[in-house]
Structures are given as structure tokens and as C-alpha cells.
PDB file of all heavy atoms in Angstrom:
ATOM      1  N   GLN A   1       3.569   5.515  -9.008  1.00  0.00           N
ATOM      2  CA  GLN A   1       4.397   6.639  -9.430  1.00  0.00           C
ATOM      3  C   GLN A   1       3.573   7.553 -10.310  1.00  0.00           C
ATOM      4  O   GLN A   1       3.118   7.145 -11.396  1.00  0.00           O
ATOM      5  CB  GLN A   1       5.640   6.160 -10.170  1.00  0.00           C
ATOM      6  CG  GLN A   1       6.625   7.273 -10.474  1.00  0.00           C
ATOM      7  CD  GLN A   1       7.979   6.748 -10.898  1.00  0.00           C
ATOM      8  OE1 GLN A   1       8.136   5.590 -11.297  1.00  0.00           O
ATOM      9  NE2 GLN A   1       8.992   7.579 -10.791  1.00  0.00           N
ATOM     10  N   ALA A   2       3.382   8.759  -9.833  1.00  0.00           N
ATOM     11  CA  ALA A   2       2.677   9.781 -10.601  1.00  0.00           C
ATOM     12  C   ALA A   2       3.684  10.572 -11.432  1.00  0.00           C
ATOM     13  O   ALA A   2       4.876  10.609 -11.100  1.00  0.00           O
ATOM     14  CB  ALA A   2       1.924  10.703  -9.647  1.00  0.00           C
ATOM     15  N   PRO A   3       3.238  11.211 -12.500  1.00  0.00           N
ATOM     16  CA  PRO A   3       4.157  11.976 -13.344  1.00  0.00           C
ATOM     17  C   PRO A   3       4.918  13.024 -12.534  1.00  0.00           C
ATOM     18  O   PRO A   3       4.324  13.778 -11.764  1.00  0.00           O
ATOM     19  CB  PRO A   3       3.226  12.633 -14.361  1.00  0.00           C
ATOM     20  CG  PRO A   3       2.057  11.734 -14.434  1.00  0.00           C
ATOM     21  CD  PRO A   3       1.869  11.201 -13.042  1.00  0.00           C
ATOM     22  N   GLY A   4       6.235  13.026 -12.686  1.00  0.00           N
ATOM     23  CA  GLY A   4       7.067  14.001 -12.015  1.00  0.00           C
ATOM     24  C   GLY A   4       7.309  13.733 -10.544  1.00  0.00           C
ATOM     25  O   GLY A   4       7.915  14.554  -9.858  1.00  0.00           O
ATOM     26  N   LYS A   5       6.835  12.593 -10.058  1.00  0.00           N
ATOM     27  CA  LYS A   5       7.009  12.260  -8.643  1.00  0.00           C
ATOM     28  C   LYS A   5       7.777  10.955  -8.485  1.00  0.00           C
ATOM     29  O   LYS A   5       7.864  10.149  -9.404  1.00  0.00           O
ATOM     30  CB  LYS A   5       5.651  12.159  -7.951  1.00  0.00           C
ATOM     31  CG  LYS A   5       4.880  13.474  -7.890  1.00  0.00           C
ATOM     32  CD  LYS A   5       3.626  13.332  -7.062  1.00  0.00           C
ATOM     33  CE  LYS A   5       2.881  14.648  -6.943  1.00  0.00           C
ATOM     34  NZ  LYS A   5       1.660  14.520  -6.108  1.00  0.00           N
ATOM     35  N   GLN A   6       8.299  10.751  -7.284  1.00  0.00           N
ATOM     36  CA  GLN A   6       9.008   9.519  -6.995  1.00  0.00           C
ATOM     37  C   GLN A   6       8.018   8.378  -6.764  1.00  0.00           C
ATOM     38  O   GLN A   6       6.870   8.600  -6.352  1.00  0.00           O
ATOM     39  CB  GLN A   6       9.885   9.695  -5.750  1.00  0.00           C
ATOM     40  CG  GLN A   6      11.094  10.585  -5.968  1.00  0.00           C
ATOM     41  CD  GLN A   6      12.029  10.582  -4.766  1.00  0.00           C
ATOM     42  OE1 GLN A   6      11.605  10.428  -3.634  1.00  0.00           O
ATOM     43  NE2 GLN A   6      13.317  10.740  -5.022  1.00  0.00           N
ATOM     44  N   ARG A   7       8.486   7.186  -7.004  1.00  0.00           N
ATOM     45  CA  ARG A   7       7.674   6.011  -6.714  1.00  0.00           C
ATOM     46  C   ARG A   7       7.482   5.917  -5.200  1.00  0.00           C
ATOM     47  O   ARG A   7       8.425   6.110  -4.427  1.00  0.00           O
ATOM     48  CB  ARG A   7       8.347   4.746  -7.241  1.00  0.00           C
ATOM     49  CG  ARG A   7       7.473   3.514  -7.225  1.00  0.00           C
ATOM     50  CD  ARG A   7       8.153   2.349  -7.930  1.00  0.00           C
ATOM     51  NE  ARG A   7       8.345   2.618  -9.355  1.00  0.00           N
ATOM     52  CZ  ARG A   7       8.756   1.701 -10.226  1.00  0.00           C
ATOM     53  NH1 ARG A   7       8.993   0.453  -9.827  1.00  0.00           N
ATOM     54  NH2 ARG A   7       8.928   2.019 -11.502  1.00  0.00           N
ATOM     55  N   GLU A   8       6.252   5.619  -4.785  1.00  0.00           N
ATOM     56  CA  GLU A   8       5.953   5.547  -3.358  1.00  0.00           C
ATOM     57  C   GLU A   8       5.200   4.262  -3.022  1.00  0.00           C
ATOM     58  O   GLU A   8       4.442   3.737  -3.845  1.00  0.00           O
ATOM     59  CB  GLU A   8       5.103   6.753  -2.919  1.00  0.00           C
ATOM     60  CG  GLU A   8       3.744   6.843  -3.565  1.00  0.00           C
ATOM     61  CD  GLU A   8       2.895   7.979  -3.021  1.00  0.00           C
ATOM     62  OE1 GLU A   8       3.336   8.683  -2.099  1.00  0.00           O
ATOM     63  OE2 GLU A   8       1.761   8.148  -3.527  1.00  0.00           O
ATOM     64  N   LEU A   9       5.421   3.797  -1.804  1.00  0.00           N
ATOM     65  CA  LEU A   9       4.714   2.618  -1.327  1.00  0.00           C
ATOM     66  C   LEU A   9       3.256   2.969  -1.057  1.00  0.00           C
ATOM     67  O   LEU A   9       2.965   3.960  -0.388  1.00  0.00           O
ATOM     68  CB  LEU A   9       5.369   2.093  -0.054  1.00  0.00           C
ATOM     69  CG  LEU A   9       4.666   0.918   0.618  1.00  0.00           C
ATOM     70  CD1 LEU A   9       4.754  -0.327  -0.245  1.00  0.00           C
ATOM     71  CD2 LEU A   9       5.270   0.659   2.003  1.00  0.00           C
ATOM     72  N   VAL A  10       2.364   2.140  -1.555  1.00  0.00           N
ATOM     73  CA  VAL A  10       0.936   2.310  -1.314  1.00  0.00           C
ATOM     74  C   VAL A  10       0.478   1.378  -0.195  1.00  0.00           C
ATOM     75  O   VAL A  10      -0.161   1.810   0.768  1.00  0.00           O
ATOM     76  CB  VAL A  10       0.123   2.027  -2.591  1.00  0.00           C
ATOM     77  CG1 VAL A  10      -1.372   2.098  -2.308  1.00  0.00           C
ATOM     78  CG2 VAL A  10       0.518   2.999  -3.696  1.00  0.00           C
ATOM     79  N   ALA A  11       0.798   0.100  -0.330  1.00  0.00           N
ATOM     80  CA  ALA A  11       0.361  -0.895   0.648  1.00  0.00           C
ATOM     81  C   ALA A  11       1.230  -2.134   0.519  1.00  0.00           C
ATOM     82  O   ALA A  11       1.758  -2.416  -0.560  1.00  0.00           O
ATOM     83  CB  ALA A  11      -1.104  -1.269   0.444  1.00  0.00           C
ATOM     84  N   ALA A  12       1.366  -2.864   1.614  1.00  0.00           N
ATOM     85  CA  ALA A  12       2.163  -4.084   1.609  1.00  0.00           C
ATOM     86  C   ALA A  12       1.491  -5.130   2.491  1.00  0.00           C
ATOM     87  O   ALA A  12       0.767  -4.788   3.449  1.00  0.00           O
ATOM     88  CB  ALA A  12       3.574  -3.820   2.101  1.00  0.00           C
ATOM     89  N   VAL A  13       1.736  -6.394   2.159  1.00  0.00           N
ATOM     90  CA  VAL A  13       1.220  -7.496   2.971  1.00  0.00           C
ATOM     91  C   VAL A  13       2.329  -8.533   3.124  1.00  0.00           C
ATOM     92  O   VAL A  13       2.957  -8.938   2.146  1.00  0.00           O
ATOM     93  CB  VAL A  13      -0.052  -8.105   2.345  1.00  0.00           C
ATOM     94  CG1 VAL A  13       0.173  -8.572   0.915  1.00  0.00           C
ATOM     95  CG2 VAL A  13      -0.611  -9.228   3.213  1.00  0.00           C
ATOM     96  N   SER A  14       2.572  -8.919   4.353  1.00  0.00           N
ATOM     97  CA  SER A  14       3.641  -9.880   4.630  1.00  0.00           C
ATOM     98  C   SER A  14       3.185 -11.297   4.314  1.00  0.00           C
ATOM     99  O   SER A  14       2.009 -11.544   4.026  1.00  0.00           O
ATOM    100  CB  SER A  14       4.056  -9.781   6.090  1.00  0.00           C
ATOM    101  OG  SER A  14       3.023 -10.321   6.908  1.00  0.00           O
ATOM    102  N   SER A  15       4.108 -12.216   4.407  1.00  0.00           N
ATOM    103  CA  SER A  15       3.765 -13.614   4.173  1.00  0.00           C
ATOM    104  C   SER A  15       2.743 -14.105   5.189  1.00  0.00           C
ATOM    105  O   SER A  15       1.936 -14.989   4.884  1.00  0.00           O
ATOM    106  CB  SER A  15       5.023 -14.477   4.231  1.00  0.00           C
ATOM    107  OG  SER A  15       5.672 -14.319   5.490  1.00  0.00           O
ATOM    108  N   GLY A  16       2.742 -13.516   6.369  1.00  0.00           N
ATOM    109  CA  GLY A  16       1.793 -13.903   7.404  1.00  0.00           C
ATOM    110  C   GLY A  16       0.494 -13.141   7.364  1.00  0.00           C
ATOM    111  O   GLY A  16      -0.402 -13.393   8.183  1.00  0.00           O
ATOM    112  N   GLY A  17       0.381 -12.192   6.434  1.00  0.00           N
ATOM    113  CA  GLY A  17      -0.871 -11.459   6.282  1.00  0.00           C
ATOM    114  C   GLY A  17      -0.912 -10.104   6.958  1.00  0.00           C
ATOM    115  O   GLY A  17      -1.936  -9.411   6.897  1.00  0.00           O
ATOM    116  N   THR A  18       0.161  -9.696   7.586  1.00  0.00           N
ATOM    117  CA  THR A  18       0.200  -8.365   8.193  1.00  0.00           C
ATOM    118  C   THR A  18       0.257  -7.305   7.102  1.00  0.00           C
ATOM    119  O   THR A  18       1.037  -7.426   6.151  1.00  0.00           O
ATOM    120  CB  THR A  18       1.424  -8.219   9.104  1.00  0.00           C
ATOM    121  OG1 THR A  18       1.362  -9.212  10.129  1.00  0.00           O
ATOM    122  CG2 THR A  18       1.457  -6.835   9.735  1.00  0.00           C
ATOM    123  N   THR A  19      -0.574  -6.286   7.260  1.00  0.00           N
ATOM    124  CA  THR A  19      -0.651  -5.250   6.230  1.00  0.00           C
ATOM    125  C   THR A  19      -0.203  -3.903   6.772  1.00  0.00           C
ATOM    126  O   THR A  19      -0.255  -3.641   7.976  1.00  0.00           O
ATOM    127  CB  THR A  19      -2.087  -5.110   5.709  1.00  0.00           C
ATOM    128  OG1 THR A  19      -2.956  -4.792   6.806  1.00  0.00           O
ATOM    129  CG2 THR A  19      -2.556  -6.393   5.055  1.00  0.00           C
ATOM    130  N   ASN A  20       0.269  -3.056   5.860  1.00  0.00           N
ATOM    131  CA  ASN A  20       0.501  -1.666   6.204  1.00  0.00           C
ATOM    132  C   ASN A  20       0.201  -0.804   4.992  1.00  0.00           C
ATOM    133  O   ASN A  20       0.287  -1.269   3.845  1.00  0.00           O
ATOM    134  CB  ASN A  20       1.909  -1.415   6.735  1.00  0.00           C
ATOM    135  CG  ASN A  20       2.976  -1.605   5.690  1.00  0.00           C
ATOM    136  OD1 ASN A  20       3.325  -2.713   5.356  1.00  0.00           O
ATOM    137  ND2 ASN A  20       3.508  -0.503   5.168  1.00  0.00           N
ATOM    138  N   TYR A  21      -0.178   0.432   5.248  1.00  0.00           N
ATOM    139  CA  TYR A  21      -0.667   1.331   4.217  1.00  0.00           C
ATOM    140  C   TYR A  21      -0.033   2.712   4.345  1.00  0.00           C
ATOM    141  O   TYR A  21       0.290   3.169   5.446  1.00  0.00           O
ATOM    142  CB  TYR A  21      -2.187   1.493   4.336  1.00  0.00           C
ATOM    143  CG  TYR A  21      -2.968   0.227   4.127  1.00  0.00           C
ATOM    144  CD1 TYR A  21      -3.289  -0.596   5.204  1.00  0.00           C
ATOM    145  CD2 TYR A  21      -3.392  -0.148   2.862  1.00  0.00           C
ATOM    146  CE1 TYR A  21      -3.999  -1.773   5.019  1.00  0.00           C
ATOM    147  CE2 TYR A  21      -4.108  -1.315   2.663  1.00  0.00           C
ATOM    148  CZ  TYR A  21      -4.412  -2.119   3.744  1.00  0.00           C
ATOM    149  OH  TYR A  21      -5.129  -3.281   3.551  1.00  0.00           O
ATOM    150  N   ALA A  22       0.100   3.370   3.220  1.00  0.00           N
ATOM    151  CA  ALA A  22       0.449   4.783   3.236  1.00  0.00           C
ATOM    152  C   ALA A  22      -0.699   5.547   3.882  1.00  0.00           C
ATOM    153  O   ALA A  22      -1.873   5.186   3.718  1.00  0.00           O
ATOM    154  CB  ALA A  22       0.677   5.280   1.814  1.00  0.00           C
ATOM    155  N   ASP A  23      -0.360   6.603   4.588  1.00  0.00           N
ATOM    156  CA  ASP A  23      -1.396   7.388   5.266  1.00  0.00           C
ATOM    157  C   ASP A  23      -2.448   7.900   4.278  1.00  0.00           C
ATOM    158  O   ASP A  23      -3.622   8.002   4.612  1.00  0.00           O
ATOM    159  CB  ASP A  23      -0.766   8.565   6.007  1.00  0.00           C
ATOM    160  CG  ASP A  23      -0.008   8.131   7.251  1.00  0.00           C
ATOM    161  OD1 ASP A  23      -0.229   7.008   7.731  1.00  0.00           O
ATOM    162  OD2 ASP A  23       0.809   8.941   7.744  1.00  0.00           O
ATOM    163  N   SER A  24      -2.007   8.195   3.076  1.00  0.00           N
ATOM    164  CA  SER A  24      -2.906   8.799   2.092  1.00  0.00           C
ATOM    165  C   SER A  24      -3.995   7.840   1.607  1.00  0.00           C
ATOM    166  O   SER A  24      -4.982   8.295   1.021  1.00  0.00           O
ATOM    167  CB  SER A  24      -2.107   9.302   0.891  1.00  0.00           C
ATOM    168  OG  SER A  24      -1.389   8.241   0.291  1.00  0.00           O
ATOM    169  N   VAL A  25      -3.824   6.541   1.833  1.00  0.00           N
ATOM    170  CA  VAL A  25      -4.812   5.580   1.340  1.00  0.00           C
ATOM    171  C   VAL A  25      -5.497   4.794   2.448  1.00  0.00           C
ATOM    172  O   VAL A  25      -6.398   3.999   2.173  1.00  0.00           O
ATOM    173  CB  VAL A  25      -4.186   4.594   0.326  1.00  0.00           C
ATOM    174  CG1 VAL A  25      -3.474   5.346  -0.794  1.00  0.00           C
ATOM    175  CG2 VAL A  25      -3.239   3.621   1.009  1.00  0.00           C
ATOM    176  N   LYS A  26      -5.090   5.027   3.683  1.00  0.00           N
ATOM    177  CA  LYS A  26      -5.700   4.288   4.799  1.00  0.00           C
ATOM    178  C   LYS A  26      -7.212   4.519   4.843  1.00  0.00           C
ATOM    179  O   LYS A  26      -7.677   5.645   4.708  1.00  0.00           O
ATOM    180  CB  LYS A  26      -5.079   4.725   6.123  1.00  0.00           C
ATOM    181  CG  LYS A  26      -3.721   4.113   6.401  1.00  0.00           C
ATOM    182  CD  LYS A  26      -3.163   4.584   7.744  1.00  0.00           C
ATOM    183  CE  LYS A  26      -1.800   3.977   8.007  1.00  0.00           C
ATOM    184  NZ  LYS A  26      -1.204   4.489   9.277  1.00  0.00           N
ATOM    185  N   GLY A  27      -7.921   3.421   5.021  1.00  0.00           N
ATOM    186  CA  GLY A  27      -9.374   3.519   5.070  1.00  0.00           C
ATOM    187  C   GLY A  27     -10.044   3.493   3.711  1.00  0.00           C
ATOM    188  O   GLY A  27     -11.275   3.367   3.630  1.00  0.00           O
ATOM    189  N   ARG A  28      -9.263   3.607   2.646  1.00  0.00           N
ATOM    190  CA  ARG A  28      -9.834   3.595   1.287  1.00  0.00           C
ATOM    191  C   ARG A  28      -9.354   2.383   0.482  1.00  0.00           C
ATOM    192  O   ARG A  28     -10.103   1.858  -0.346  1.00  0.00           O
ATOM    193  CB  ARG A  28      -9.449   4.873   0.544  1.00  0.00           C
ATOM    194  CG  ARG A  28      -9.938   6.145   1.205  1.00  0.00           C
ATOM    195  CD  ARG A  28      -9.703   7.361   0.305  1.00  0.00           C
ATOM    196  NE  ARG A  28      -8.308   7.600   0.017  1.00  0.00           N
ATOM    197  CZ  ARG A  28      -7.789   7.646  -1.202  1.00  0.00           C
ATOM    198  NH1 ARG A  28      -8.562   7.465  -2.262  1.00  0.00           N
ATOM    199  NH2 ARG A  28      -6.489   7.886  -1.376  1.00  0.00           N
ATOM    200  N   PHE A  29      -8.115   1.971   0.688  1.00  0.00           N
ATOM    201  CA  PHE A  29      -7.527   0.866  -0.071  1.00  0.00           C
ATOM    202  C   PHE A  29      -7.361  -0.352   0.833  1.00  0.00           C
ATOM    203  O   PHE A  29      -7.099  -0.220   2.027  1.00  0.00           O
ATOM    204  CB  PHE A  29      -6.159   1.238  -0.615  1.00  0.00           C
ATOM    205  CG  PHE A  29      -6.150   2.281  -1.710  1.00  0.00           C
ATOM    206  CD1 PHE A  29      -7.271   3.017  -2.037  1.00  0.00           C
ATOM    207  CD2 PHE A  29      -4.982   2.512  -2.429  1.00  0.00           C
ATOM    208  CE1 PHE A  29      -7.257   3.959  -3.042  1.00  0.00           C
ATOM    209  CE2 PHE A  29      -4.947   3.463  -3.441  1.00  0.00           C
ATOM    210  CZ  PHE A  29      -6.093   4.188  -3.735  1.00  0.00           C
ATOM    211  N   THR A  30      -7.476  -1.525   0.240  1.00  0.00           N
ATOM    212  CA  THR A  30      -7.267  -2.781   0.962  1.00  0.00           C
ATOM    213  C   THR A  30      -6.394  -3.706   0.133  1.00  0.00           C
ATOM    214  O   THR A  30      -6.714  -3.997  -1.025  1.00  0.00           O
ATOM    215  CB  THR A  30      -8.600  -3.476   1.262  1.00  0.00           C
ATOM    216  OG1 THR A  30      -9.441  -2.612   2.024  1.00  0.00           O
ATOM    217  CG2 THR A  30      -8.356  -4.760   2.058  1.00  0.00           C
ATOM    218  N   ILE A  31      -5.300  -4.147   0.732  1.00  0.00           N
ATOM    219  CA  ILE A  31      -4.430  -5.114   0.073  1.00  0.00           C
ATOM    220  C   ILE A  31      -4.718  -6.494   0.639  1.00  0.00           C
ATOM    221  O   ILE A  31      -4.979  -6.651   1.833  1.00  0.00           O
ATOM    222  CB  ILE A  31      -2.935  -4.739   0.246  1.00  0.00           C
ATOM    223  CG1 ILE A  31      -2.051  -5.635  -0.630  1.00  0.00           C
ATOM    224  CG2 ILE A  31      -2.513  -4.800   1.704  1.00  0.00           C
ATOM    225  CD1 ILE A  31      -0.597  -5.178  -0.685  1.00  0.00           C
ATOM    226  N   SER A  32      -4.673  -7.493  -0.231  1.00  0.00           N
ATOM    227  CA  SER A  32      -4.875  -8.867   0.221  1.00  0.00           C
ATOM    228  C   SER A  32      -4.081  -9.794  -0.697  1.00  0.00           C
ATOM    229  O   SER A  32      -3.663  -9.394  -1.791  1.00  0.00           O
ATOM    230  CB  SER A  32      -6.357  -9.240   0.211  1.00  0.00           C
ATOM    231  OG  SER A  32      -6.900  -9.133  -1.090  1.00  0.00           O
ATOM    232  N   ARG A  33      -3.889 -11.011  -0.235  1.00  0.00           N
ATOM    233  CA  ARG A  33      -3.164 -11.982  -1.037  1.00  0.00           C
ATOM    234  C   ARG A  33      -3.832 -13.344  -0.937  1.00  0.00           C
ATOM    235  O   ARG A  33      -4.427 -13.685   0.083  1.00  0.00           O
ATOM    236  CB  ARG A  33      -1.696 -12.080  -0.593  1.00  0.00           C
ATOM    237  CG  ARG A  33      -1.490 -12.626   0.803  1.00  0.00           C
ATOM    238  CD  ARG A  33      -0.043 -12.453   1.252  1.00  0.00           C
ATOM    239  NE  ARG A  33       0.886 -13.211   0.424  1.00  0.00           N
ATOM    240  CZ  ARG A  33       2.206 -12.993   0.393  1.00  0.00           C
ATOM    241  NH1 ARG A  33       2.726 -12.037   1.136  1.00  0.00           N
ATOM    242  NH2 ARG A  33       2.980 -13.716  -0.377  1.00  0.00           N
ATOM    243  N   ASP A  34      -3.715 -14.087  -2.015  1.00  0.00           N
ATOM    244  CA  ASP A  34      -4.210 -15.457  -2.059  1.00  0.00           C
ATOM    245  C   ASP A  34      -3.018 -16.330  -2.453  1.00  0.00           C
ATOM    246  O   ASP A  34      -2.659 -16.400  -3.638  1.00  0.00           O
ATOM    247  CB  ASP A  34      -5.348 -15.586  -3.071  1.00  0.00           C
ATOM    248  CG  ASP A  34      -5.995 -16.958  -3.073  1.00  0.00           C
ATOM    249  OD1 ASP A  34      -5.330 -17.922  -2.675  1.00  0.00           O
ATOM    250  OD2 ASP A  34      -7.156 -17.062  -3.487  1.00  0.00           O
TER     251      ASP A  34
END
């Protein structure tokens, strides 16, 4: 959440490891879980 803006999804990872990303961060951000 940036100042004056709504909270937005950046990235998510499912219990099985499937990931999805906001278009604005694709190719730059990586989500992972241990």
C-alpha cells in the first residue's frame, strides 16, 4: 500500500507452490515459501 492508494496484491503462492504476480512486478519479483 502506497500513500494515498489502495492496498494491492503483489504476489501470491499457493500451498502447492503455484505463484501469481501483479503485472507491474512480473519478471522482477519472486515469491517463495519454505
